[in-house]
Amino acid sequence: MTGLPVPRDRMGVLLAAYQYELGSCFRCPRKGTQVTRIGEITSDEGETPLYACRECVQELLVMHERAMERISPHPRIVQIPRASRGVEAT
């Protein structure tokens, strides 16, 4: 058990679903902070993973929500990543 409060709001649940590790955010100057892999840049030379901190992940999720509201008025099903059994999201 981590001792952290369990999020009850939708955004808190989404943020808690990611697996975090220490690293640098590609979007802001934060270094040595908790980041999660959110994608990659792929080219003929290879792939570069992109990591973002919790604050930037939250901003990206809000941007996505707003874009989806403009595109479709219909409700959506949102899938969140699941932690492996026996592994807690931190």
N, C-alpha and C. Protein backbone atom coordinates (compact mmCIF):
# COMPACT_ATOMS: atom_id res chain seq x y z
N MET A 1 0.85 -1.18 0.00
CA MET A 1 0.00 0.00 0.00
C MET A 1 0.89 1.24 0.00
N THR A 2 0.51 2.26 -0.79
CA THR A 2 1.35 3.44 -0.95
C THR A 2 1.05 4.53 0.06
N GLY A 3 -0.11 4.51 0.70
CA GLY A 3 -0.47 5.57 1.63
C GLY A 3 -1.04 6.79 0.94
N LEU A 4 -1.11 6.79 -0.41
CA LEU A 4 -1.67 7.90 -1.14
C LEU A 4 -3.19 7.76 -1.18
N PRO A 5 -3.91 8.89 -1.19
CA PRO A 5 -5.37 8.79 -1.26
C PRO A 5 -5.79 8.22 -2.61
N VAL A 6 -6.88 7.46 -2.60
CA VAL A 6 -7.41 6.89 -3.84
C VAL A 6 -8.23 7.96 -4.54
N PRO A 7 -7.89 8.27 -5.81
CA PRO A 7 -8.63 9.31 -6.51
C PRO A 7 -10.07 8.88 -6.77
N ARG A 8 -10.99 9.81 -6.66
CA ARG A 8 -12.41 9.52 -6.90
C ARG A 8 -12.92 10.24 -8.14
N ASP A 9 -12.29 11.35 -8.52
CA ASP A 9 -12.74 12.08 -9.69
C ASP A 9 -12.19 11.42 -10.96
N ARG A 10 -12.83 11.66 -12.08
CA ARG A 10 -12.46 11.01 -13.34
C ARG A 10 -11.02 11.30 -13.73
N MET A 11 -10.59 12.56 -13.64
CA MET A 11 -9.23 12.92 -14.03
C MET A 11 -8.21 12.25 -13.12
N GLY A 12 -8.50 12.22 -11.82
CA GLY A 12 -7.59 11.56 -10.88
C GLY A 12 -7.44 10.09 -11.17
N VAL A 13 -8.54 9.44 -11.53
CA VAL A 13 -8.50 8.02 -11.87
C VAL A 13 -7.66 7.80 -13.12
N LEU A 14 -7.85 8.65 -14.13
CA LEU A 14 -7.06 8.52 -15.36
C LEU A 14 -5.57 8.70 -15.08
N LEU A 15 -5.22 9.73 -14.31
CA LEU A 15 -3.81 9.99 -14.01
C LEU A 15 -3.19 8.86 -13.20
N ALA A 16 -3.94 8.29 -12.28
CA ALA A 16 -3.43 7.22 -11.43
C ALA A 16 -3.25 5.91 -12.19
N ALA A 17 -3.90 5.78 -13.35
CA ALA A 17 -3.83 4.54 -14.11
C ALA A 17 -2.49 4.34 -14.82
N TYR A 18 -1.76 5.41 -15.02
CA TYR A 18 -0.47 5.31 -15.70
C TYR A 18 0.61 4.79 -14.75
N GLN A 19 1.61 4.12 -15.32
CA GLN A 19 2.76 3.67 -14.53
C GLN A 19 3.84 4.74 -14.67
N TYR A 20 4.32 5.22 -13.53
CA TYR A 20 5.29 6.32 -13.52
C TYR A 20 6.67 5.83 -13.11
N GLU A 21 7.68 6.54 -13.59
CA GLU A 21 9.07 6.31 -13.21
C GLU A 21 9.76 7.67 -13.19
N LEU A 22 10.93 7.73 -12.61
CA LEU A 22 11.66 9.00 -12.57
C LEU A 22 12.28 9.27 -13.94
N GLY A 23 12.19 10.52 -14.37
CA GLY A 23 12.76 10.89 -15.66
C GLY A 23 12.52 12.36 -15.95
N SER A 24 12.61 12.69 -17.25
CA SER A 24 12.43 14.06 -17.70
C SER A 24 11.21 14.16 -18.61
N CYS A 25 10.47 15.24 -18.46
CA CYS A 25 9.28 15.49 -19.27
C CYS A 25 9.72 16.11 -20.60
N PHE A 26 9.17 15.61 -21.71
CA PHE A 26 9.53 16.17 -23.02
C PHE A 26 8.85 17.51 -23.26
N ARG A 27 7.82 17.81 -22.50
CA ARG A 27 6.97 18.96 -22.75
C ARG A 27 7.32 20.18 -21.91
N CYS A 28 7.90 19.98 -20.75
CA CYS A 28 8.22 21.09 -19.86
C CYS A 28 9.64 20.86 -19.31
N PRO A 29 10.19 21.79 -18.58
CA PRO A 29 11.57 21.65 -18.13
C PRO A 29 11.77 20.74 -16.91
N ARG A 30 10.74 20.04 -16.46
CA ARG A 30 10.90 19.20 -15.26
C ARG A 30 11.84 18.03 -15.54
N LYS A 31 12.78 17.85 -14.63
CA LYS A 31 13.73 16.74 -14.71
C LYS A 31 13.72 16.03 -13.36
N GLY A 32 14.01 14.74 -13.36
CA GLY A 32 14.03 13.99 -12.10
C GLY A 32 12.68 13.95 -11.42
N THR A 33 11.62 13.90 -12.20
CA THR A 33 10.26 13.88 -11.68
C THR A 33 9.57 12.61 -12.17
N GLN A 34 8.39 12.34 -11.65
CA GLN A 34 7.65 11.17 -12.10
C GLN A 34 7.08 11.44 -13.49
N VAL A 35 7.41 10.55 -14.43
CA VAL A 35 6.94 10.65 -15.81
C VAL A 35 6.37 9.31 -16.25
N THR A 36 5.57 9.35 -17.30
CA THR A 36 5.03 8.14 -17.89
C THR A 36 5.19 8.24 -19.40
N ARG A 37 5.36 7.10 -20.03
CA ARG A 37 5.51 7.09 -21.49
C ARG A 37 4.14 7.34 -22.11
N ILE A 38 4.09 8.34 -23.01
CA ILE A 38 2.81 8.68 -23.63
C ILE A 38 2.82 8.45 -25.14
N GLY A 39 3.94 8.08 -25.68
CA GLY A 39 4.00 7.85 -27.12
C GLY A 39 5.44 7.81 -27.58
N GLU A 40 5.61 8.00 -28.87
CA GLU A 40 6.95 7.99 -29.43
C GLU A 40 6.98 8.77 -30.73
N ILE A 41 8.19 9.14 -31.11
CA ILE A 41 8.44 9.72 -32.43
C ILE A 41 9.16 8.63 -33.21
N THR A 42 8.63 8.30 -34.38
CA THR A 42 9.20 7.23 -35.18
C THR A 42 9.69 7.78 -36.50
N SER A 43 10.88 7.36 -36.90
CA SER A 43 11.44 7.74 -38.20
C SER A 43 12.15 6.52 -38.78
N ASP A 44 12.73 6.69 -39.96
CA ASP A 44 13.49 5.59 -40.57
C ASP A 44 14.67 5.18 -39.72
N GLU A 45 15.20 6.11 -38.92
CA GLU A 45 16.36 5.83 -38.08
C GLU A 45 16.00 5.09 -36.79
N GLY A 46 14.75 5.11 -36.40
CA GLY A 46 14.36 4.43 -35.17
C GLY A 46 13.22 5.13 -34.47
N GLU A 47 13.11 4.83 -33.17
CA GLU A 47 12.01 5.32 -32.36
C GLU A 47 12.56 6.01 -31.12
N THR A 48 12.00 7.18 -30.80
CA THR A 48 12.36 7.90 -29.58
C THR A 48 11.12 7.96 -28.69
N PRO A 49 11.20 7.36 -27.48
CA PRO A 49 10.03 7.42 -26.59
C PRO A 49 9.81 8.82 -26.04
N LEU A 50 8.54 9.16 -25.83
CA LEU A 50 8.17 10.45 -25.24
C LEU A 50 7.59 10.20 -23.86
N TYR A 51 8.14 10.89 -22.87
CA TYR A 51 7.68 10.79 -21.48
C TYR A 51 7.15 12.14 -21.05
N ALA A 52 6.07 12.14 -20.26
CA ALA A 52 5.49 13.39 -19.76
C ALA A 52 5.23 13.26 -18.26
N CYS A 53 5.35 14.38 -17.55
CA CYS A 53 5.07 14.41 -16.12
C CYS A 53 3.56 14.42 -15.89
N ARG A 54 3.16 14.23 -14.65
CA ARG A 54 1.72 14.17 -14.32
C ARG A 54 0.99 15.44 -14.75
N GLU A 55 1.60 16.60 -14.52
CA GLU A 55 0.94 17.86 -14.86
C GLU A 55 0.71 17.97 -16.37
N CYS A 56 1.72 17.58 -17.14
CA CYS A 56 1.58 17.66 -18.60
C CYS A 56 0.62 16.60 -19.12
N VAL A 57 0.62 15.41 -18.52
CA VAL A 57 -0.35 14.38 -18.90
C VAL A 57 -1.77 14.91 -18.66
N GLN A 58 -1.97 15.57 -17.52
CA GLN A 58 -3.29 16.13 -17.23
C GLN A 58 -3.68 17.17 -18.27
N GLU A 59 -2.74 18.06 -18.63
CA GLU A 59 -3.03 19.07 -19.65
C GLU A 59 -3.37 18.41 -20.98
N LEU A 60 -2.63 17.37 -21.36
CA LEU A 60 -2.89 16.67 -22.62
C LEU A 60 -4.26 15.98 -22.59
N LEU A 61 -4.62 15.38 -21.46
CA LEU A 61 -5.94 14.74 -21.34
C LEU A 61 -7.07 15.77 -21.47
N VAL A 62 -6.89 16.94 -20.85
CA VAL A 62 -7.90 18.00 -20.95
C VAL A 62 -8.01 18.48 -22.40
N MET A 63 -6.88 18.67 -23.08
CA MET A 63 -6.89 19.07 -24.48
C MET A 63 -7.64 18.04 -25.33
N HIS A 64 -7.39 16.77 -25.05
CA HIS A 64 -8.05 15.69 -25.78
C HIS A 64 -9.56 15.73 -25.53
N GLU A 65 -9.96 15.87 -24.27
CA GLU A 65 -11.38 15.93 -23.92
C GLU A 65 -12.07 17.07 -24.68
N ARG A 66 -11.46 18.23 -24.68
CA ARG A 66 -12.06 19.39 -25.36
C ARG A 66 -12.17 19.16 -26.86
N ALA A 67 -11.15 18.56 -27.45
CA ALA A 67 -11.19 18.27 -28.88
C ALA A 67 -12.30 17.27 -29.20
N MET A 68 -12.46 16.26 -28.36
CA MET A 68 -13.50 15.25 -28.59
C MET A 68 -14.89 15.84 -28.42
N GLU A 69 -15.05 16.79 -27.50
CA GLU A 69 -16.36 17.45 -27.31
C GLU A 69 -16.74 18.25 -28.55
N ARG A 70 -15.76 18.85 -29.20
CA ARG A 70 -16.04 19.62 -30.42
C ARG A 70 -16.37 18.71 -31.60
N ILE A 71 -15.74 17.54 -31.64
CA ILE A 71 -15.91 16.63 -32.78
C ILE A 71 -17.22 15.86 -32.69
N SER A 72 -17.53 15.31 -31.52
CA SER A 72 -18.69 14.44 -31.40
C SER A 72 -19.45 14.72 -30.10
N PRO A 73 -20.74 14.95 -30.23
CA PRO A 73 -21.54 15.16 -29.02
C PRO A 73 -21.93 13.85 -28.34
N HIS A 74 -21.59 12.71 -28.96
CA HIS A 74 -21.97 11.40 -28.42
C HIS A 74 -21.02 10.98 -27.29
N PRO A 75 -21.52 10.27 -26.30
CA PRO A 75 -20.66 9.77 -25.23
C PRO A 75 -19.62 8.81 -25.78
N ARG A 76 -18.45 8.79 -25.15
CA ARG A 76 -17.36 7.91 -25.57
C ARG A 76 -17.02 6.95 -24.46
N ILE A 77 -16.45 5.83 -24.85
CA ILE A 77 -15.89 4.89 -23.88
C ILE A 77 -14.40 5.18 -23.83
N VAL A 78 -13.89 5.46 -22.64
CA VAL A 78 -12.47 5.76 -22.48
C VAL A 78 -11.79 4.57 -21.84
N GLN A 79 -10.77 4.04 -22.53
CA GLN A 79 -10.00 2.95 -21.96
C GLN A 79 -8.79 3.54 -21.26
N ILE A 80 -8.51 3.05 -20.07
CA ILE A 80 -7.33 3.48 -19.35
C ILE A 80 -6.39 2.30 -19.23
N PRO A 81 -5.09 2.56 -19.25
CA PRO A 81 -4.14 1.45 -19.14
C PRO A 81 -4.30 0.75 -17.80
N ARG A 82 -4.16 -0.55 -17.82
CA ARG A 82 -4.30 -1.33 -16.60
C ARG A 82 -2.91 -1.76 -16.12
N ALA A 83 -2.70 -1.66 -14.82
CA ALA A 83 -1.44 -2.14 -14.24
C ALA A 83 -1.49 -3.67 -14.23
N SER A 84 -0.33 -4.28 -14.34
CA SER A 84 -0.25 -5.74 -14.26
C SER A 84 -0.75 -6.19 -12.90
N ARG A 85 -1.28 -7.39 -12.84
CA ARG A 85 -1.77 -7.91 -11.56
C ARG A 85 -0.63 -7.92 -10.55
N GLY A 86 -0.96 -7.46 -9.36
CA GLY A 86 0.03 -7.44 -8.28
C GLY A 86 0.92 -6.20 -8.30
N VAL A 87 0.72 -5.31 -9.29
CA VAL A 87 1.51 -4.08 -9.39
C VAL A 87 0.59 -2.91 -9.19
N GLU A 88 0.92 -2.04 -8.25
CA GLU A 88 0.11 -0.85 -7.98
C GLU A 88 0.65 0.31 -8.77
N ALA A 89 -0.23 1.18 -9.27
CA ALA A 89 0.18 2.43 -9.90
C ALA A 89 0.64 3.36 -8.80
N THR A 90 1.74 4.06 -9.03
CA THR A 90 2.24 4.98 -8.01
C THR A 90 2.13 6.39 -8.47
